[in-house]
N, C-alpha and C. Protein backbone atom coordinates (compact mmCIF):
# COMPACT_ATOMS: atom_id res chain seq x y z
N UNK A 1 157.87 55.41 149.43
CA UNK A 1 156.98 54.05 149.18
C UNK A 1 155.49 54.74 148.93
N UNK A 2 154.82 55.36 149.51
CA UNK A 2 153.80 55.82 149.99
C UNK A 2 153.47 56.61 148.39
N UNK A 3 153.97 57.28 147.75
CA UNK A 3 154.03 57.57 146.30
C UNK A 3 153.53 55.90 145.63
N UNK A 4 154.41 55.15 145.81
CA UNK A 4 154.46 54.23 144.79
C UNK A 4 152.88 53.33 145.18
N UNK A 5 152.38 53.32 146.21
CA UNK A 5 151.37 52.25 146.97
C UNK A 5 150.03 53.34 146.12
N UNK A 6 149.99 54.96 146.25
CA UNK A 6 149.07 55.66 145.81
C UNK A 6 148.82 55.37 144.33
N UNK A 7 150.16 55.15 143.73
CA UNK A 7 149.93 55.43 142.37
C UNK A 7 149.33 54.25 142.24
N UNK A 8 149.66 52.73 142.46
CA UNK A 8 149.10 51.72 142.18
C UNK A 8 147.40 51.55 142.52
N UNK A 9 147.20 52.14 143.57
CA UNK A 9 145.77 52.31 143.80
C UNK A 9 144.56 53.16 143.08
N UNK A 10 145.10 54.22 142.77
CA UNK A 10 145.03 54.76 141.21
C UNK A 10 144.87 54.63 140.40
N UNK A 11 146.12 53.41 139.06
CA UNK A 11 145.89 52.81 138.68
C UNK A 11 144.82 51.17 138.50
N UNK A 12 144.91 50.66 139.47
CA UNK A 12 143.23 49.84 139.86
C UNK A 12 142.22 50.76 139.76
N UNK A 13 141.92 51.55 140.18
CA UNK A 13 140.43 52.42 140.72
C UNK A 13 140.38 52.71 138.91
N UNK A 14 141.66 53.03 138.05
CA UNK A 14 141.23 53.82 137.01
C UNK A 14 141.20 52.49 135.62
N UNK A 15 141.65 51.72 136.16
CA UNK A 15 141.23 50.28 135.14
C UNK A 15 139.86 49.71 135.39
N UNK A 16 139.67 49.53 136.83
CA UNK A 16 138.51 49.18 137.30
C UNK A 16 137.24 49.78 136.82
N UNK A 17 137.39 51.50 136.52
CA UNK A 17 135.98 52.22 136.38
C UNK A 17 136.21 52.14 134.55
N UNK A 18 137.26 52.15 134.27
CA UNK A 18 137.23 52.22 132.86
C UNK A 18 136.31 51.02 132.31
N UNK A 19 136.99 49.59 133.09
CA UNK A 19 136.11 48.54 132.26
C UNK A 19 134.43 48.44 132.53
N UNK A 20 134.35 49.43 134.19
CA UNK A 20 132.53 49.71 134.00
C UNK A 20 132.02 50.77 133.10
N UNK A 21 132.66 51.17 132.44
CA UNK A 21 132.19 52.26 131.60
C UNK A 21 131.86 51.60 130.23
N UNK A 22 133.01 51.27 129.66
CA UNK A 22 133.21 50.35 128.75
C UNK A 22 132.08 49.20 128.76
N UNK A 23 131.50 48.48 129.95
CA UNK A 23 130.64 47.52 129.57
C UNK A 23 129.17 48.15 129.55
N UNK A 24 129.49 49.43 130.34
CA UNK A 24 127.83 50.42 130.14
C UNK A 24 127.81 50.52 128.61
N UNK A 25 128.76 51.36 127.61
CA UNK A 25 128.17 51.34 126.53
C UNK A 25 128.33 50.82 125.78
N UNK A 26 129.38 49.53 126.11
CA UNK A 26 128.59 48.27 124.48
C UNK A 26 127.62 47.65 124.97
N UNK A 27 126.51 48.19 125.83
CA UNK A 27 125.41 48.06 126.04
C UNK A 27 124.54 48.97 125.34
N UNK A 28 124.77 50.10 125.43
CA UNK A 28 123.96 51.07 124.95
C UNK A 28 124.60 51.34 123.11
N UNK A 29 125.41 50.88 123.22
CA UNK A 29 125.67 50.89 121.82
C UNK A 29 124.47 50.38 120.54
N UNK A 30 124.02 49.32 121.14
CA UNK A 30 123.37 49.05 119.91
C UNK A 30 122.11 50.00 119.63
N UNK A 31 121.58 50.83 120.77
CA UNK A 31 120.42 51.37 120.44
C UNK A 31 120.83 52.75 119.71
N UNK A 32 121.84 53.22 119.66
CA UNK A 32 122.35 54.67 119.14
C UNK A 32 123.30 54.55 118.31
N UNK A 33 123.48 53.10 117.74
CA UNK A 33 124.26 53.11 116.42
C UNK A 33 123.98 53.51 115.37
N UNK A 34 122.41 53.22 114.91
CA UNK A 34 121.44 53.45 113.83
C UNK A 34 121.89 55.25 113.84
N UNK A 35 121.34 55.66 114.85
CA UNK A 35 121.33 57.32 114.97
C UNK A 35 122.65 58.07 114.75
N UNK A 36 123.54 57.63 115.72
CA UNK A 36 125.01 58.03 115.07
C UNK A 36 124.96 57.80 113.75
N UNK A 37 125.22 56.56 113.30
CA UNK A 37 125.29 56.79 111.80
C UNK A 37 124.55 57.71 110.70
N UNK A 38 123.19 57.90 111.12
CA UNK A 38 122.42 59.20 109.94
C UNK A 38 122.86 60.05 110.43
N UNK A 39 123.40 60.31 111.86
CA UNK A 39 123.94 61.75 112.18
C UNK A 39 125.11 61.85 111.62
N UNK A 40 126.31 61.13 111.56
CA UNK A 40 127.49 61.13 110.54
C UNK A 40 127.34 61.27 109.39
N UNK A 41 126.08 60.66 108.69
CA UNK A 41 126.18 60.90 107.29
C UNK A 41 125.49 62.27 107.03
N UNK A 42 124.60 62.56 107.51
CA UNK A 42 123.88 63.92 107.66
C UNK A 42 124.70 64.99 107.36
N UNK A 43 125.83 64.95 108.44
CA UNK A 43 126.29 65.91 108.53
C UNK A 43 127.62 65.77 107.69
N UNK A 44 128.07 64.87 107.16
CA UNK A 44 129.66 64.83 106.38
C UNK A 44 128.96 65.38 104.66
N UNK A 45 127.38 65.26 104.75
CA UNK A 45 126.87 65.74 103.37
C UNK A 45 126.52 67.47 103.44
N UNK A 46 126.45 67.74 104.38
CA UNK A 46 126.36 68.99 104.60
C UNK A 46 127.15 70.33 104.75
N UNK A 47 128.17 69.93 105.63
CA UNK A 47 128.98 70.71 105.47
C UNK A 47 130.38 69.75 105.47
N UNK A 48 131.28 69.80 104.39
CA UNK A 48 132.43 69.45 104.10
C UNK A 48 133.50 69.84 105.32
N UNK A 49 134.76 69.35 105.28
CA UNK A 49 136.00 69.80 105.92
C UNK A 49 136.37 70.41 105.53
N UNK A 50 136.56 70.58 103.93
CA UNK A 50 137.55 71.84 103.34
C UNK A 50 136.54 73.04 103.49
N UNK A 51 135.07 73.11 103.57
CA UNK A 51 134.17 74.56 104.19
C UNK A 51 134.66 74.86 105.62
N UNK A 52 134.86 73.96 106.62
CA UNK A 52 135.08 74.18 107.64
C UNK A 52 136.55 74.90 107.37
N UNK A 53 137.34 73.97 107.24
CA UNK A 53 138.64 74.81 107.01
C UNK A 53 139.03 76.17 106.07
N UNK A 54 138.20 76.30 105.72
CA UNK A 54 138.09 77.58 104.41
C UNK A 54 137.44 78.72 105.42
N UNK A 55 136.44 77.84 106.29
CA UNK A 55 135.77 79.36 106.89
C UNK A 55 136.83 79.75 108.04
N UNK A 56 137.64 78.55 108.81
CA UNK A 56 138.35 79.40 109.78
C UNK A 56 139.76 80.18 109.20
N UNK A 57 140.05 79.96 107.88
CA UNK A 57 141.19 80.79 107.47
C UNK A 57 140.92 81.77 107.08
N UNK A 58 139.51 82.17 106.74
CA UNK A 58 138.68 83.21 106.67
C UNK A 58 138.62 84.37 107.16
N UNK A 59 138.56 83.46 108.77
CA UNK A 59 138.18 84.59 109.69
C UNK A 59 139.36 84.49 110.54
N UNK A 60 140.24 84.20 110.78
CA UNK A 60 141.82 84.25 110.79
C UNK A 60 142.31 85.07 109.92
N UNK A 61 142.08 85.29 108.68
CA UNK A 61 142.70 86.25 108.02
C UNK A 61 142.14 87.91 108.31
N UNK A 62 140.33 87.51 107.93
CA UNK A 62 139.87 88.82 108.60
C UNK A 62 140.32 89.62 109.89
N UNK A 63 140.11 88.36 110.92
CA UNK A 63 141.03 89.09 112.12
C UNK A 63 142.07 89.49 111.90
N UNK A 64 142.81 88.88 111.44
CA UNK A 64 144.74 89.52 111.52
C UNK A 64 145.05 90.85 110.88
N UNK A 65 143.68 90.97 109.34
CA UNK A 65 143.95 92.47 108.75
C UNK A 65 143.11 93.45 110.25
N UNK A 66 142.47 93.24 110.70
CA UNK A 66 141.57 93.87 111.72
C UNK A 66 142.30 94.34 112.49
N UNK A 67 143.59 93.62 113.70
CA UNK A 67 144.19 93.88 114.33
C UNK A 67 145.48 94.63 113.81
N UNK A 68 145.89 94.14 112.50
CA UNK A 68 146.90 95.11 112.09
C UNK A 68 146.52 96.27 111.95
N UNK A 69 145.11 96.53 111.34
CA UNK A 69 145.02 98.12 110.93
C UNK A 69 144.30 98.60 111.98
N UNK A 70 144.44 98.25 113.07
CA UNK A 70 144.09 99.18 113.93
C UNK A 70 145.40 99.40 114.82
N UNK A 71 146.50 98.44 114.99
CA UNK A 71 147.65 98.60 115.68
C UNK A 71 148.67 99.32 114.89
N UNK A 72 148.52 99.44 113.35
CA UNK A 72 149.20 100.41 112.53
C UNK A 72 148.65 100.98 111.70
N UNK A 73 148.51 102.53 111.75
CA UNK A 73 148.03 102.85 111.07
C UNK A 73 148.84 103.58 109.97
N UNK A 74 147.99 103.86 108.83
CA UNK A 74 148.43 103.59 107.14
C UNK A 74 149.21 105.03 107.34
N UNK A 75 150.65 104.85 106.46
CA UNK A 75 151.03 106.16 106.32
C UNK A 75 150.47 107.20 105.63
N UNK A 76 150.55 108.60 105.93
CA UNK A 76 149.78 109.55 105.63
C UNK A 76 150.43 110.22 105.18
N UNK A 77 150.63 110.47 103.40
CA UNK A 77 151.00 111.12 102.15
C UNK A 77 151.09 112.42 102.64
N UNK A 78 152.13 113.35 102.27
CA UNK A 78 152.45 114.83 102.48
C UNK A 78 150.64 115.73 101.76
N UNK A 79 150.39 115.20 100.91
CA UNK A 79 149.11 115.98 100.44
C UNK A 79 147.39 115.48 100.89
N UNK A 80 148.18 114.74 102.02
CA UNK A 80 146.67 114.31 102.59
C UNK A 80 146.22 114.91 104.26
N UNK A 81 145.06 115.79 103.95
CA UNK A 81 145.21 116.31 105.64
C UNK A 81 144.99 115.17 106.30
N UNK A 82 145.30 115.73 107.87
CA UNK A 82 144.97 114.52 109.11
C UNK A 82 143.61 113.66 109.09
N UNK A 83 142.37 115.20 108.90
CA UNK A 83 141.49 114.35 108.93
C UNK A 83 140.85 113.31 107.72
N UNK A 84 141.10 113.80 106.64
CA UNK A 84 141.07 112.53 106.03
C UNK A 84 141.88 111.28 105.68
N UNK A 85 142.79 111.31 106.11
CA UNK A 85 143.65 109.91 107.03
C UNK A 85 142.94 109.27 108.03
N UNK A 86 142.27 109.72 108.96
CA UNK A 86 141.49 109.47 109.69
C UNK A 86 140.30 109.06 109.32
N UNK A 87 139.61 109.53 108.56
CA UNK A 87 138.55 109.33 107.87
C UNK A 87 138.80 107.49 106.90
N UNK A 88 140.34 107.57 106.71
CA UNK A 88 140.25 106.63 105.57
C UNK A 88 140.59 105.45 106.91
N UNK A 89 141.34 105.59 107.62
CA UNK A 89 141.88 104.35 108.54
C UNK A 89 139.79 104.09 109.19
N UNK A 90 139.24 104.67 109.22
CA UNK A 90 137.76 104.43 110.07
C UNK A 90 137.28 103.35 109.25
N UNK A 91 137.60 103.85 107.52
CA UNK A 91 136.83 102.83 106.43
C UNK A 91 137.24 102.18 106.37
N UNK A 92 138.67 101.88 106.71
CA UNK A 92 139.42 100.38 106.26
C UNK A 92 138.64 99.98 107.29
N UNK A 93 138.46 100.14 108.63
CA UNK A 93 138.05 99.66 110.21
C UNK A 93 136.82 98.88 109.63
N UNK A 94 136.17 99.83 109.37
CA UNK A 94 134.77 99.53 109.15
C UNK A 94 134.61 98.53 107.78
N UNK A 95 135.27 98.51 106.81
CA UNK A 95 135.09 97.59 105.99
C UNK A 95 135.74 96.25 106.46
N UNK A 96 136.82 95.52 107.42
CA UNK A 96 137.37 94.86 108.25
C UNK A 96 135.81 94.13 109.08
N UNK A 97 135.29 95.50 109.63
CA UNK A 97 134.30 94.90 110.48
C UNK A 97 133.18 93.96 109.39
N UNK A 98 133.01 94.90 108.52
CA UNK A 98 131.59 94.12 107.50
C UNK A 98 132.24 93.06 107.19
N UNK A 99 133.34 92.64 106.71
CA UNK A 99 133.96 91.25 106.34
C UNK A 99 133.57 90.54 107.64
N UNK A 100 133.91 90.59 108.42
CA UNK A 100 133.77 89.92 110.13
C UNK A 100 132.61 89.42 109.95
N UNK A 101 131.44 90.70 109.99
CA UNK A 101 130.18 90.56 109.87
C UNK A 101 129.58 89.61 108.88
N UNK A 102 129.92 89.36 107.55
CA UNK A 102 129.66 88.77 106.62
C UNK A 102 129.70 87.17 106.82
N UNK A 103 131.24 86.91 107.07
CA UNK A 103 131.80 85.42 107.59
C UNK A 103 130.99 84.73 109.31
N UNK A 104 130.79 86.02 110.12
CA UNK A 104 129.45 85.55 111.20
C UNK A 104 128.32 84.70 110.34
N UNK A 105 127.61 85.98 109.38
CA UNK A 105 126.50 85.50 108.83
C UNK A 105 126.66 84.26 108.35
N UNK A 106 127.24 83.99 107.41
CA UNK A 106 127.15 82.72 106.54
C UNK A 106 127.69 81.69 107.47
N UNK A 107 128.32 81.69 108.78
CA UNK A 107 128.58 80.34 109.85
C UNK A 107 127.03 80.31 110.61
N UNK A 108 126.19 81.38 111.06
CA UNK A 108 125.18 81.15 111.69
C UNK A 108 123.92 80.94 110.66
N UNK A 109 123.59 81.14 109.02
CA UNK A 109 123.05 80.07 108.54
C UNK A 109 123.42 78.79 108.54
N UNK A 110 124.61 78.57 108.39
CA UNK A 110 125.34 76.84 108.38
C UNK A 110 124.95 76.20 109.26
N UNK A 111 125.30 77.13 110.46
CA UNK A 111 124.25 76.27 112.19
C UNK A 111 123.06 76.27 112.05
N UNK A 112 122.40 77.21 111.66
CA UNK A 112 120.97 77.22 111.75
C UNK A 112 120.53 75.76 111.06
N UNK A 113 121.21 75.74 109.39
CA UNK A 113 120.81 74.50 108.75
C UNK A 113 121.43 73.05 109.33
N UNK A 114 122.53 73.17 110.09
CA UNK A 114 123.14 72.13 110.59
C UNK A 114 121.89 71.42 111.83
N UNK A 115 121.46 72.47 112.84
CA UNK A 115 120.83 72.24 113.59
C UNK A 115 119.43 72.04 113.35
N UNK A 116 119.05 72.14 112.13
CA UNK A 116 117.74 72.25 111.64
C UNK A 116 117.58 70.65 111.25
N UNK A 117 119.14 69.94 110.35
CA UNK A 117 118.73 69.06 109.91
C UNK A 117 119.29 67.54 111.44
N UNK A 118 120.04 68.19 112.64
CA UNK A 118 119.71 67.20 113.80
C UNK A 118 118.20 67.24 114.38
N UNK A 119 117.66 67.92 114.21
CA UNK A 119 116.09 67.74 114.80
C UNK A 119 115.61 67.29 113.75
N UNK A 120 115.53 67.32 112.35
CA UNK A 120 114.56 66.23 111.60
C UNK A 120 115.16 64.40 112.44
N UNK A 121 116.60 64.20 112.28
CA UNK A 121 117.13 62.96 112.67
C UNK A 121 116.92 62.70 113.89
N UNK A 122 116.54 63.97 115.10
CA UNK A 122 116.26 63.05 116.10
C UNK A 122 114.79 63.30 116.64
N UNK A 123 114.12 63.75 115.56
CA UNK A 123 112.54 63.75 115.64
C UNK A 123 111.92 62.92 115.23
């Protein structure tokens, strides 16, 4: 019985606080509506959803390749020395790291451009 009473009280408090928040937000909505509309319009023209999805897929593929290369050494042909095999593996890891760094750099450039646009909108 106590659980039912506690649940009812929690529901009443939740409804009351939700109503208070919605009243406050509806009052502030008029002031910020134009800024939000400008922000949504600018962001959607700068970075499309497809570009974001493509970037995430590229990062995921590169990370998967890097982890795979780190976990499973490539097979060593019988005519290749151990030192050459180690060097080849290190080069593969360096290539994967370079690809990751390139994608990171592209994402950082896009982020900087987005932050600049946001400053222009706010300023």
